Protein backbone atom coordinates (compact mmCIF):
# COMPACT_ATOMS: atom_id res chain seq x y z
CA MET A 1 20.13 75.86 37.47
CA SER A 2 19.65 72.62 39.42
CA GLN A 3 16.76 72.05 41.80
CA LYS A 4 19.22 72.16 44.72
CA GLN A 5 20.65 75.54 43.65
CA LYS A 6 17.13 76.84 43.21
CA TRP A 7 16.17 75.95 46.77
CA ILE A 8 19.44 77.43 48.12
CA GLY A 9 18.65 80.69 46.32
CA ILE A 10 15.13 80.76 47.73
CA GLY A 11 16.52 80.11 51.22
CA LEU A 12 19.08 82.89 50.98
CA GLY A 13 16.39 85.29 49.76
CA ALA A 14 14.18 84.40 52.70
CA VAL A 15 17.04 84.97 55.15
CA CYS A 16 17.79 88.37 53.63
CA LEU A 17 14.13 89.30 53.82
CA LEU A 18 13.96 88.22 57.46
CA VAL A 19 17.10 90.16 58.39
CA GLY A 20 15.74 93.25 56.68
CA LEU A 21 12.42 92.91 58.47
CA VAL A 22 14.13 92.54 61.86
CA TYR A 23 16.33 95.57 61.14
CA TRP A 24 13.26 97.59 60.24
CA LEU A 25 11.25 96.52 63.27
CA ILE A 26 14.01 96.93 65.89
CA PRO A 27 15.09 100.56 66.13
CA SER A 28 18.83 101.20 66.13
CA ASN A 29 20.66 103.90 68.04
CA LYS A 30 20.55 106.93 65.75
CA GLU A 31 23.88 108.63 65.21
CA SER A 32 22.42 111.82 63.80
CA ILE A 33 19.42 114.11 64.17
CA LEU A 34 17.76 115.93 61.29
CA ILE A 35 17.91 119.70 61.54
CA LYS A 36 14.57 121.43 61.20
CA LYS A 37 12.87 124.72 61.90
CA GLY A 38 10.20 125.26 64.51
CA PRO A 39 9.21 127.13 67.66
CA LEU A 40 11.49 127.14 70.70
CA VAL A 41 10.20 127.85 74.18
CA GLU A 42 12.82 128.87 76.73
CA ALA A 43 11.91 128.30 80.36
CA VAL A 44 13.18 128.80 83.90
CA TYR A 45 12.89 125.55 85.84
CA ALA A 46 12.42 125.30 89.59
CA LEU A 47 10.75 123.34 92.38
CA GLY A 48 7.67 125.09 93.75
CA SER A 49 5.58 124.55 96.85
CA VAL A 50 1.81 124.87 97.23
CA GLN A 51 0.78 127.66 99.59
CA PRO A 52 -2.59 128.77 101.04
CA GLU A 53 -3.82 132.21 100.04
CA ASN A 54 -5.09 132.81 103.61
CA ILE A 55 -3.46 131.56 106.79
CA TYR A 56 -4.19 132.71 110.35
CA SER A 57 -1.89 132.03 113.29
CA LEU A 58 -3.54 132.48 116.68
CA LYS A 59 -1.24 134.00 119.32
CA LEU A 60 -1.94 135.76 122.61
CA GLY A 61 -0.43 139.00 123.83
CA ILE A 62 -0.30 137.85 127.47
CA SER A 63 -0.11 134.53 129.26
CA ALA A 64 -3.49 132.82 129.64
CA SER A 65 -4.95 129.43 130.44
CA ILE A 66 -7.08 127.74 127.79
CA ARG A 67 -10.44 126.97 129.45
CA GLU A 68 -12.25 125.64 126.38
CA LEU A 69 -10.96 124.16 123.15
CA TYR A 70 -13.76 124.01 120.60
CA ILE A 71 -11.81 122.46 117.74
CA GLU A 72 -9.50 119.56 116.83
CA GLU A 73 -6.53 119.45 114.48
CA GLY A 74 -7.64 118.72 110.92
CA GLN A 75 -11.20 119.92 111.58
CA SER A 76 -12.92 122.21 109.08
CA VAL A 77 -14.61 125.26 110.58
CA ALA A 78 -16.88 127.98 109.24
CA LYS A 79 -16.15 131.68 109.43
CA GLY A 80 -17.02 132.96 112.90
CA ALA A 81 -16.85 129.52 114.54
CA PRO A 82 -15.41 129.57 118.11
CA LEU A 83 -11.84 128.29 118.41
CA ILE A 84 -10.76 128.69 122.04
CA ARG A 85 -11.86 130.39 125.28
CA VAL A 86 -9.26 131.66 127.74
CA ASP A 87 -9.54 132.22 131.52
CA SER A 88 -10.57 135.85 131.07
CA GLY A 89 -13.70 134.63 129.27
CA LEU A 90 -12.54 135.95 125.89
CA ILE A 91 -13.50 133.69 122.96
CA PHE A 92 -11.40 133.69 119.79
CA LYS A 93 -13.27 132.97 116.55
CA ALA A 94 -12.27 131.91 113.04
CA PRO A 95 -11.73 134.96 110.78
CA PHE A 96 -12.49 132.85 107.69
CA ALA A 97 -13.58 129.33 106.78
CA GLY A 98 -10.72 126.86 106.80
CA THR A 99 -8.99 123.85 108.33
CA ILE A 100 -7.29 123.70 111.74
CA ALA A 101 -3.57 122.83 111.62
CA ASN A 102 -0.61 122.84 114.01
CA LEU A 103 -2.68 122.79 117.19
CA THR A 104 -0.01 122.96 119.91
CA LEU A 105 -1.95 123.15 123.20
CA SER A 106 -4.72 121.29 124.98
CA LYS A 107 -7.43 122.38 127.39
CA ASP A 108 -6.16 123.90 130.68
CA GLU A 109 -2.65 124.40 129.34
CA ILE A 110 -0.97 127.80 129.53
CA ALA A 111 -0.51 129.78 126.32
CA MET A 112 2.63 131.95 126.41
CA PRO A 113 2.75 135.40 124.75
CA GLY A 114 3.63 135.32 121.05
CA VAL A 115 3.70 131.51 120.85
CA PRO A 116 1.32 130.12 118.15
CA ILE A 117 -1.58 128.08 119.54
CA LEU A 118 -2.98 126.96 116.19
CA GLU A 119 -3.11 127.79 112.51
CA LEU A 120 -6.22 128.17 110.36
CA ILE A 121 -5.58 127.40 106.68
CA ASP A 122 -7.81 128.26 103.74
CA MET A 123 -7.67 125.03 101.71
CA ARG A 124 -9.83 126.32 98.87
CA ASN A 125 -7.59 129.12 97.62
CA LEU A 126 -4.08 127.90 96.83
CA TYR A 127 -1.15 129.18 94.81
CA VAL A 128 2.39 128.00 94.01
CA GLN A 129 5.47 129.76 95.34
CA VAL A 130 8.95 129.44 93.82
CA SER A 131 12.31 130.70 95.06
CA LEU A 132 14.75 131.63 92.26
CA ASP A 133 18.39 132.59 92.02
CA GLN A 134 19.22 136.11 90.86
CA GLU A 135 19.99 135.16 87.25
CA SER A 136 16.67 133.37 86.82
CA ALA A 137 14.70 136.03 88.68
CA LEU A 138 15.87 138.71 86.23
CA ARG A 139 14.10 136.86 83.41
CA VAL A 140 10.73 136.39 85.10
CA ARG A 141 7.88 138.85 84.57
CA PRO A 142 4.20 139.01 85.57
CA LYS A 143 1.76 137.38 83.12
CA GLN A 144 4.28 134.79 81.91
CA LYS A 145 2.82 131.32 81.36
CA VAL A 146 3.78 128.47 83.68
CA GLN A 147 3.64 124.68 83.31
CA LEU A 148 3.21 122.66 86.52
CA SER A 149 3.60 118.93 87.05
CA PHE A 150 3.30 116.81 90.20
CA GLU A 151 5.45 113.72 90.71
CA SER A 152 2.47 111.65 91.85
CA ILE A 153 0.36 112.72 88.84
CA ARG A 154 2.73 112.05 85.96
CA GLY A 155 1.48 112.61 82.43
CA HIS A 156 -0.60 115.64 83.41
CA ASN A 157 0.53 119.25 83.12
CA TYR A 158 -1.33 122.14 84.71
CA VAL A 159 -1.25 125.75 83.58
CA GLY A 160 -0.50 128.74 85.76
CA GLU A 161 0.55 132.36 85.40
CA VAL A 162 3.10 134.53 87.17
CA GLU A 163 1.29 137.08 89.30
CA ARG A 164 4.29 138.79 90.89
CA ILE A 165 7.97 138.45 91.72
CA TYR A 166 9.47 140.10 94.81
CA PRO A 167 12.41 139.88 97.26
CA SER A 168 11.92 138.41 100.73
CA GLN A 169 14.66 137.80 103.32
CA GLY A 170 17.37 137.37 100.70
CA GLN A 171 15.23 135.23 98.41
CA PHE A 172 13.56 136.09 95.10
CA LEU A 173 10.04 134.70 95.32
CA VAL A 174 7.55 134.15 92.51
CA LYS A 175 3.82 133.86 93.16
CA ILE A 176 2.07 131.70 90.55
CA ILE A 177 -1.70 131.69 90.22
CA THR A 178 -3.01 128.19 89.49
CA PRO A 179 -6.78 128.07 88.96
CA ASN A 180 -6.85 124.45 87.78
CA LEU A 181 -4.93 122.58 90.48
CA PRO A 182 -6.08 118.94 90.68
CA GLU A 183 -8.29 117.76 93.50
CA GLY A 184 -6.41 116.49 96.52
CA ILE A 185 -3.48 118.90 96.28
CA LEU A 186 -2.63 120.26 99.74
CA PRO A 187 -0.48 123.10 101.09
CA ALA A 188 3.24 122.21 101.43
CA MET A 189 3.11 119.75 98.50
CA THR A 190 5.79 120.30 95.86
CA THR A 191 5.52 120.67 92.10
CA ASP A 192 7.95 120.95 89.17
CA VAL A 193 7.65 124.42 87.65
CA ALA A 194 8.61 125.65 84.17
CA ILE A 195 8.17 129.41 83.65
CA GLU A 196 8.07 130.38 79.98
CA VAL A 197 10.45 133.35 79.71
CA SER A 198 10.77 133.57 75.92
CA LYS A 199 9.44 132.01 72.72
CA ARG A 200 11.03 132.01 69.28
CA GLU A 201 9.09 131.14 66.12
CA ASN A 202 10.45 129.38 63.03
CA VAL A 203 14.08 129.13 64.14
CA VAL A 204 16.68 126.51 63.24
CA LEU A 205 16.67 124.00 66.11
CA VAL A 206 20.04 122.52 67.07
CA PRO A 207 20.00 119.41 69.30
CA LEU A 208 22.11 120.17 72.37
CA VAL A 209 23.29 116.58 72.57
CA GLY A 210 25.26 117.18 69.37
CA VAL A 211 27.00 120.37 70.54
CA ASP A 212 30.54 120.10 71.87
CA LYS A 213 32.41 123.29 72.89
CA GLY A 214 30.51 125.45 70.43
CA LYS A 215 30.93 123.04 67.53
CA VAL A 216 28.85 120.38 65.80
CA ILE A 217 29.58 117.73 63.19
CA ARG A 218 27.35 118.57 60.27
CA ILE A 219 26.27 115.90 57.80
CA ARG A 220 25.34 117.34 54.40
CA ASN A 221 25.03 115.30 51.21
CA GLY A 222 26.60 112.36 53.05
CA LYS A 223 29.73 114.31 54.03
CA ARG A 224 30.73 115.14 57.60
CA GLN A 225 32.31 118.42 58.63
CA LYS A 226 32.96 119.99 62.04
CA ILE A 227 31.72 123.57 62.10
CA GLU A 228 31.43 126.33 64.67
CA ILE A 229 28.01 127.56 65.70
CA LYS A 230 26.54 130.10 68.09
CA LEU A 231 23.33 129.47 70.02
CA GLY A 232 20.79 131.88 71.46
CA ALA A 233 17.80 130.74 73.48
CA ILE A 234 17.87 127.13 74.66
CA ASN A 235 15.57 124.68 76.39
CA SER A 236 16.22 121.21 77.73
CA GLU A 237 16.67 119.69 74.23
CA PHE A 238 17.37 122.32 71.57
CA GLY A 239 19.12 125.62 71.02
CA GLU A 240 18.28 128.47 68.66
CA LEU A 241 20.90 128.80 65.90
CA LEU A 242 22.21 132.38 65.73
CA SER A 243 25.18 131.78 63.43
CA GLY A 244 26.87 128.88 61.69
CA ASP A 245 26.41 127.03 58.40
CA LEU A 246 23.49 124.81 59.43
CA GLN A 247 20.23 124.73 57.57
CA ASP A 248 16.92 122.93 57.42
CA GLY A 249 17.57 119.43 56.06
CA ASP A 250 21.14 119.01 57.36
CA GLU A 251 21.92 116.41 60.00
CA VAL A 252 23.98 116.74 63.17
CA PHE A 253 26.14 113.87 64.38
CA VAL A 254 25.24 113.12 68.01
CA ASN A 255 27.22 109.96 68.86
CA GLN A 256 30.32 111.83 69.97
CA LYS A 257 31.64 109.43 72.61
């Protein structure tokens, strides 16, 4: 071998090494996913809203003029603190400690019967309320675990628990107790809710992205074959294999465009 051929061989080897290193460092789009066993948590997903445990709406039974207004909107008041005094001399007081909201009238204005004058909101005791469709509501039970996440606090999940589910004016409402809500969360804020309705242990997990009309392309020992499968519980990524010739260690083809 001449010196020139030697250097050409060294150069080609270096190029191959560089190409291999680049291929290894830059991830390619995977065309298959390895089948494995594991737990599968099935959840009902919904958008919830934060609600106060205690809320008081002050209304009068008869028309009256407001002679004194002892509070301002957004003000925190203690239990028993005076709120308003009307022309009859009657003083209305706060039934619990909270924050004044939705103050609609000013001093010397006339309060009409049944029209709210203000709301008092308990900001310390909050829960999350969710409205579900009938199909989802049938799967929810008290004591089920709940995962909560707020759009403005990404990367953090908070744990809750279903306290009750009940009908109200054509809706199916779920009350979720949330003892660890982050500081700064206020009533009427929204949160993404995932209610854990079932959990399977040690099941064959089938990636949903590889399922097409009840079939998958299985890769076993380097050979591809389209097979029929049946799934049970599912979440946002995987389904529980109920029937079909798929087993731990197979691969499922997912690039089915």
